[in-house]
N, C-alpha and C. Protein backbone atom coordinates (compact mmCIF):
# COMPACT_ATOMS: atom_id res chain seq x y z
N UNK A 1 108.98 71.52 99.83
CA UNK A 1 109.08 72.92 99.44
C UNK A 1 109.20 72.99 97.91
N UNK A 2 108.47 73.93 97.36
CA UNK A 2 108.57 74.13 95.92
C UNK A 2 108.65 75.62 95.62
N UNK A 3 109.15 75.92 94.44
CA UNK A 3 109.23 77.31 94.00
C UNK A 3 108.07 77.57 93.04
N UNK A 4 107.37 78.66 93.29
CA UNK A 4 106.26 79.06 92.42
C UNK A 4 106.47 80.49 91.97
N UNK A 5 105.95 80.79 90.78
CA UNK A 5 106.03 82.15 90.26
C UNK A 5 104.69 82.84 90.44
N UNK A 6 104.75 84.06 90.96
CA UNK A 6 103.57 84.90 91.16
C UNK A 6 103.69 86.13 90.29
N UNK A 7 102.57 86.52 89.67
CA UNK A 7 102.51 87.79 88.94
C UNK A 7 101.88 88.81 89.88
N UNK A 8 102.42 90.02 89.88
CA UNK A 8 101.82 91.07 90.70
C UNK A 8 101.47 92.27 89.85
N UNK A 9 100.46 93.01 90.33
CA UNK A 9 100.08 94.27 89.71
C UNK A 9 99.72 95.23 90.83
N UNK A 10 100.46 96.33 90.89
CA UNK A 10 100.22 97.37 91.88
C UNK A 10 99.72 98.61 91.14
N UNK A 11 98.57 99.12 91.56
CA UNK A 11 98.01 100.35 90.98
C UNK A 11 98.09 101.45 92.04
N UNK A 12 98.73 102.56 91.69
CA UNK A 12 98.83 103.69 92.61
C UNK A 12 98.26 104.92 91.94
N UNK A 13 98.20 106.02 92.68
CA UNK A 13 97.79 107.30 92.12
C UNK A 13 98.98 108.24 92.21
N UNK A 14 98.90 109.37 91.52
CA UNK A 14 99.99 110.34 91.57
C UNK A 14 100.31 110.68 93.02
N UNK A 15 101.59 110.67 93.36
CA UNK A 15 102.01 110.96 94.73
C UNK A 15 102.30 109.72 95.55
N UNK A 16 102.03 108.53 94.98
CA UNK A 16 102.33 107.27 95.68
C UNK A 16 103.45 106.54 94.95
N UNK A 17 104.28 105.85 95.72
CA UNK A 17 105.39 105.09 95.13
C UNK A 17 105.60 103.79 95.90
N UNK A 18 105.40 102.63 95.27
CA UNK A 18 105.69 101.38 95.97
C UNK A 18 107.20 101.22 96.15
N UNK A 19 107.61 100.71 97.30
CA UNK A 19 109.04 100.53 97.59
C UNK A 19 109.42 99.06 97.70
N UNK A 20 108.45 98.19 98.07
CA UNK A 20 108.76 96.77 98.20
C UNK A 20 107.50 95.93 98.10
N UNK A 21 107.63 94.78 97.46
CA UNK A 21 106.60 93.74 97.49
C UNK A 21 107.33 92.44 97.80
N UNK A 22 106.76 91.69 98.75
CA UNK A 22 107.42 90.45 99.18
C UNK A 22 106.39 89.34 99.30
N UNK A 23 106.77 88.16 98.80
CA UNK A 23 105.97 86.95 98.96
C UNK A 23 106.92 85.90 99.51
N UNK A 24 106.73 85.51 100.77
CA UNK A 24 107.65 84.61 101.46
C UNK A 24 109.09 85.10 101.29
N UNK A 25 109.96 84.31 100.63
CA UNK A 25 111.36 84.70 100.49
C UNK A 25 111.65 85.43 99.18
N UNK A 26 110.64 85.63 98.34
CA UNK A 26 110.84 86.33 97.08
C UNK A 26 110.40 87.78 97.20
N UNK A 27 111.16 88.69 96.59
CA UNK A 27 110.78 90.10 96.69
C UNK A 27 111.32 90.93 95.53
N UNK A 28 110.70 92.08 95.37
CA UNK A 28 111.21 93.13 94.49
C UNK A 28 111.18 94.39 95.33
N UNK A 29 112.25 95.18 95.25
CA UNK A 29 112.26 96.44 96.00
C UNK A 29 113.11 97.47 95.28
N UNK A 30 112.89 98.72 95.64
CA UNK A 30 113.64 99.86 95.14
C UNK A 30 113.81 99.82 93.62
N UNK A 31 115.04 99.75 93.12
CA UNK A 31 115.32 99.83 91.68
C UNK A 31 114.65 98.68 90.91
N UNK A 32 114.69 97.47 91.48
CA UNK A 32 114.04 96.32 90.82
C UNK A 32 112.55 96.58 90.62
N UNK A 33 111.91 97.18 91.62
CA UNK A 33 110.49 97.48 91.52
C UNK A 33 110.26 98.65 90.57
N UNK A 34 111.14 99.65 90.60
CA UNK A 34 111.04 100.77 89.66
C UNK A 34 111.07 100.27 88.21
N UNK A 35 111.88 99.24 87.95
CA UNK A 35 111.98 98.68 86.60
C UNK A 35 110.69 98.01 86.15
N UNK A 36 109.76 97.76 87.07
CA UNK A 36 108.48 97.13 86.74
C UNK A 36 107.40 98.16 86.41
N UNK A 37 107.77 99.44 86.44
CA UNK A 37 106.80 100.50 86.15
C UNK A 37 106.40 100.45 84.68
N UNK A 38 105.11 100.51 84.42
CA UNK A 38 104.59 100.46 83.06
C UNK A 38 105.02 101.69 82.26
N UNK A 39 105.39 101.47 81.01
CA UNK A 39 105.74 102.60 80.14
C UNK A 39 104.48 103.30 79.64
N UNK A 40 103.35 102.59 79.64
CA UNK A 40 102.09 103.17 79.18
C UNK A 40 101.37 103.93 80.28
N UNK A 41 101.48 103.46 81.52
CA UNK A 41 100.81 104.10 82.65
C UNK A 41 101.76 104.12 83.84
N UNK A 42 102.32 105.29 84.17
CA UNK A 42 103.31 105.36 85.26
C UNK A 42 102.76 105.02 86.64
N UNK A 43 101.44 104.86 86.76
CA UNK A 43 100.84 104.50 88.04
C UNK A 43 100.63 102.99 88.19
N UNK A 44 101.15 102.21 87.24
CA UNK A 44 101.01 100.75 87.28
C UNK A 44 102.39 100.10 87.33
N UNK A 45 102.53 99.15 88.26
CA UNK A 45 103.76 98.37 88.40
C UNK A 45 103.38 96.91 88.27
N UNK A 46 103.98 96.21 87.29
CA UNK A 46 103.66 94.81 87.05
C UNK A 46 104.94 94.00 86.92
N UNK A 47 104.92 92.78 87.44
CA UNK A 47 106.09 91.93 87.31
C UNK A 47 105.83 90.56 87.88
N UNK A 48 106.92 89.80 88.05
CA UNK A 48 106.83 88.45 88.58
C UNK A 48 107.82 88.27 89.72
N UNK A 49 107.45 87.41 90.65
CA UNK A 49 108.31 87.07 91.79
C UNK A 49 108.33 85.56 91.94
N UNK A 50 109.53 84.99 92.03
CA UNK A 50 109.71 83.57 92.28
C UNK A 50 109.88 83.39 93.78
N UNK A 51 109.09 82.50 94.36
CA UNK A 51 109.09 82.36 95.82
C UNK A 51 109.00 80.90 96.24
N UNK A 52 109.66 80.59 97.35
CA UNK A 52 109.57 79.25 97.94
C UNK A 52 108.25 79.14 98.70
N UNK A 53 107.52 78.06 98.45
CA UNK A 53 106.22 77.87 99.09
C UNK A 53 106.25 76.57 99.89
N UNK A 54 105.83 76.68 101.15
CA UNK A 54 105.70 75.52 102.03
C UNK A 54 104.20 75.35 102.30
N UNK A 55 103.69 74.17 102.08
CA UNK A 55 102.27 73.87 102.26
C UNK A 55 101.41 74.64 101.27
N UNK A 56 100.33 75.28 101.73
CA UNK A 56 99.36 75.86 100.79
C UNK A 56 99.08 77.34 101.00
N UNK A 57 99.97 78.04 101.70
CA UNK A 57 99.74 79.48 101.90
C UNK A 57 101.06 80.23 101.84
N UNK A 58 100.96 81.55 101.67
CA UNK A 58 102.14 82.42 101.62
C UNK A 58 101.92 83.64 102.50
N UNK A 59 103.03 84.31 102.82
CA UNK A 59 102.99 85.57 103.56
C UNK A 59 103.25 86.68 102.55
N UNK A 60 102.40 87.70 102.55
CA UNK A 60 102.47 88.77 101.55
C UNK A 60 102.63 90.12 102.23
N UNK A 61 103.55 90.94 101.72
CA UNK A 61 103.63 92.32 102.20
C UNK A 61 103.93 93.25 101.03
N UNK A 62 103.32 94.43 101.08
CA UNK A 62 103.54 95.48 100.10
C UNK A 62 103.69 96.77 100.89
N UNK A 63 104.69 97.57 100.55
CA UNK A 63 104.86 98.84 101.26
C UNK A 63 105.39 99.90 100.32
N UNK A 64 105.21 101.16 100.74
CA UNK A 64 105.67 102.26 99.93
C UNK A 64 105.44 103.59 100.62
N UNK A 65 105.61 104.66 99.86
CA UNK A 65 105.49 106.01 100.41
C UNK A 65 104.44 106.79 99.62
N UNK A 66 103.91 107.83 100.27
CA UNK A 66 102.92 108.68 99.62
C UNK A 66 103.11 110.13 100.02
N UNK A 67 102.79 111.04 99.12
CA UNK A 67 102.97 112.47 99.37
C UNK A 67 101.92 113.01 100.34
N UNK A 68 100.72 112.44 100.32
CA UNK A 68 99.62 112.93 101.16
C UNK A 68 98.91 111.76 101.82
N UNK A 69 98.50 111.94 103.07
CA UNK A 69 97.72 110.88 103.71
C UNK A 69 96.36 110.81 103.04
N UNK A 70 95.81 109.62 102.97
CA UNK A 70 94.50 109.42 102.36
C UNK A 70 94.54 108.97 100.92
N UNK A 71 95.71 109.06 100.25
CA UNK A 71 95.80 108.55 98.89
C UNK A 71 95.59 107.04 98.91
N UNK A 72 94.91 106.52 97.89
CA UNK A 72 94.57 105.10 97.88
C UNK A 72 94.97 104.45 96.56
N UNK A 73 95.65 103.33 96.69
CA UNK A 73 96.00 102.48 95.55
C UNK A 73 95.51 101.08 95.83
N UNK A 74 95.94 100.12 95.01
CA UNK A 74 95.52 98.74 95.22
C UNK A 74 96.53 97.79 94.59
N UNK A 75 96.39 96.50 94.92
CA UNK A 75 97.23 95.50 94.29
C UNK A 75 96.53 94.15 94.32
N UNK A 76 97.04 93.24 93.48
CA UNK A 76 96.59 91.86 93.53
C UNK A 76 97.72 90.98 93.02
N UNK A 77 97.64 89.70 93.35
CA UNK A 77 98.63 88.71 92.95
C UNK A 77 97.93 87.58 92.22
N UNK A 78 98.63 87.01 91.26
CA UNK A 78 98.11 85.88 90.50
C UNK A 78 99.14 84.76 90.53
N UNK A 79 98.70 83.55 90.79
CA UNK A 79 99.57 82.38 90.71
C UNK A 79 99.74 82.06 89.23
N UNK A 80 100.98 82.17 88.74
CA UNK A 80 101.21 82.03 87.30
C UNK A 80 100.81 80.65 86.77
N UNK A 81 101.02 79.60 87.55
CA UNK A 81 100.75 78.22 87.09
C UNK A 81 99.30 78.01 86.64
N UNK A 82 98.34 78.60 87.37
CA UNK A 82 96.93 78.39 86.99
C UNK A 82 96.20 79.70 86.68
N UNK A 83 96.93 80.81 86.70
CA UNK A 83 96.39 82.13 86.36
C UNK A 83 95.20 82.52 87.24
N UNK A 84 95.24 82.09 88.52
CA UNK A 84 94.18 82.44 89.46
C UNK A 84 94.69 83.45 90.48
N UNK A 85 93.81 84.40 90.83
CA UNK A 85 94.18 85.45 91.78
C UNK A 85 94.20 84.93 93.21
N UNK A 86 95.11 85.49 94.03
CA UNK A 86 95.18 85.10 95.44
C UNK A 86 94.09 85.78 96.25
N UNK A 87 93.66 86.97 95.82
CA UNK A 87 92.60 87.71 96.51
C UNK A 87 91.43 87.87 95.55
N UNK A 88 90.21 87.63 96.04
CA UNK A 88 89.03 87.80 95.18
C UNK A 88 88.91 89.24 94.71
N UNK A 89 89.21 90.18 95.62
CA UNK A 89 89.13 91.61 95.30
C UNK A 89 90.53 92.20 95.44
N UNK A 90 90.81 93.25 94.66
CA UNK A 90 92.08 93.94 94.83
C UNK A 90 92.18 94.46 96.26
N UNK A 91 93.37 94.39 96.83
CA UNK A 91 93.60 94.83 98.21
C UNK A 91 93.99 96.30 98.23
N UNK A 92 93.42 97.04 99.17
CA UNK A 92 93.64 98.48 99.26
C UNK A 92 95.00 98.81 99.87
N UNK A 93 95.64 99.84 99.30
CA UNK A 93 96.88 100.40 99.83
C UNK A 93 96.58 101.86 100.14
N UNK A 94 96.50 102.21 101.42
CA UNK A 94 96.12 103.57 101.81
C UNK A 94 97.26 104.26 102.55
N UNK A 95 97.59 105.47 102.10
CA UNK A 95 98.65 106.25 102.72
C UNK A 95 98.16 106.77 104.07
N UNK A 96 98.97 106.56 105.12
CA UNK A 96 98.62 107.00 106.47
C UNK A 96 99.20 108.39 106.74
N UNK A 97 98.96 108.89 107.96
CA UNK A 97 99.49 110.20 108.35
C UNK A 97 101.02 110.25 108.29
N UNK A 98 101.67 109.10 108.40
CA UNK A 98 103.13 109.04 108.33
C UNK A 98 103.67 109.01 106.91
N UNK A 99 102.81 109.30 105.94
CA UNK A 99 103.19 109.31 104.52
C UNK A 99 103.72 107.97 104.03
N UNK A 100 103.16 106.90 104.58
CA UNK A 100 103.54 105.55 104.17
C UNK A 100 102.28 104.71 103.98
N UNK A 101 102.42 103.66 103.18
CA UNK A 101 101.34 102.69 103.08
C UNK A 101 101.93 101.29 103.20
N UNK A 102 101.14 100.39 103.75
CA UNK A 102 101.62 99.02 103.87
C UNK A 102 100.45 98.05 103.94
N UNK A 103 100.71 96.86 103.49
CA UNK A 103 99.77 95.74 103.56
C UNK A 103 100.58 94.55 104.02
N UNK A 104 100.06 93.81 104.99
CA UNK A 104 100.75 92.62 105.46
C UNK A 104 99.71 91.57 105.83
N UNK A 105 99.89 90.38 105.33
CA UNK A 105 98.96 89.31 105.68
C UNK A 105 99.70 87.98 105.67
N UNK A 106 99.55 87.25 106.77
CA UNK A 106 100.11 85.90 106.87
C UNK A 106 99.07 84.91 106.36
N UNK A 107 99.54 83.78 105.93
CA UNK A 107 98.69 82.66 105.52
C UNK A 107 97.63 83.02 104.47
N UNK A 108 98.09 83.60 103.38
CA UNK A 108 97.21 83.82 102.24
C UNK A 108 97.14 82.50 101.48
N UNK A 109 95.94 81.96 101.38
CA UNK A 109 95.75 80.65 100.73
C UNK A 109 96.05 80.73 99.23
N UNK A 110 96.74 79.71 98.74
CA UNK A 110 97.00 79.62 97.31
C UNK A 110 95.74 79.13 96.60
N UNK A 111 95.40 79.72 95.45
CA UNK A 111 94.21 79.28 94.72
C UNK A 111 94.45 77.91 94.09
N UNK A 112 93.43 77.08 94.12
CA UNK A 112 93.54 75.72 93.55
C UNK A 112 93.05 75.69 92.12
């Protein structure tokens, strides 16, 4: 088991608010995540998460709330050690009828 640092960037639109991002046992939520809000663009949240990694993949989840269903944001993660993204394309965050958005994926391969 080793600890790795991941950089995250969450892009939302007005009316959306991320509440938690988690990578394995590392996470930012609520006030910690609010502190990652960009001073230049209030719709961007950027930061780092230190997480324990076993083997070559991680479990990723992002969740939050939205004022209207259908609002769409996105996010991506970068492995700090080699500055490579975990997803080739930014992953969509779409607000559902329950005024929430979430993304969950097991076994996201670490970039080599």
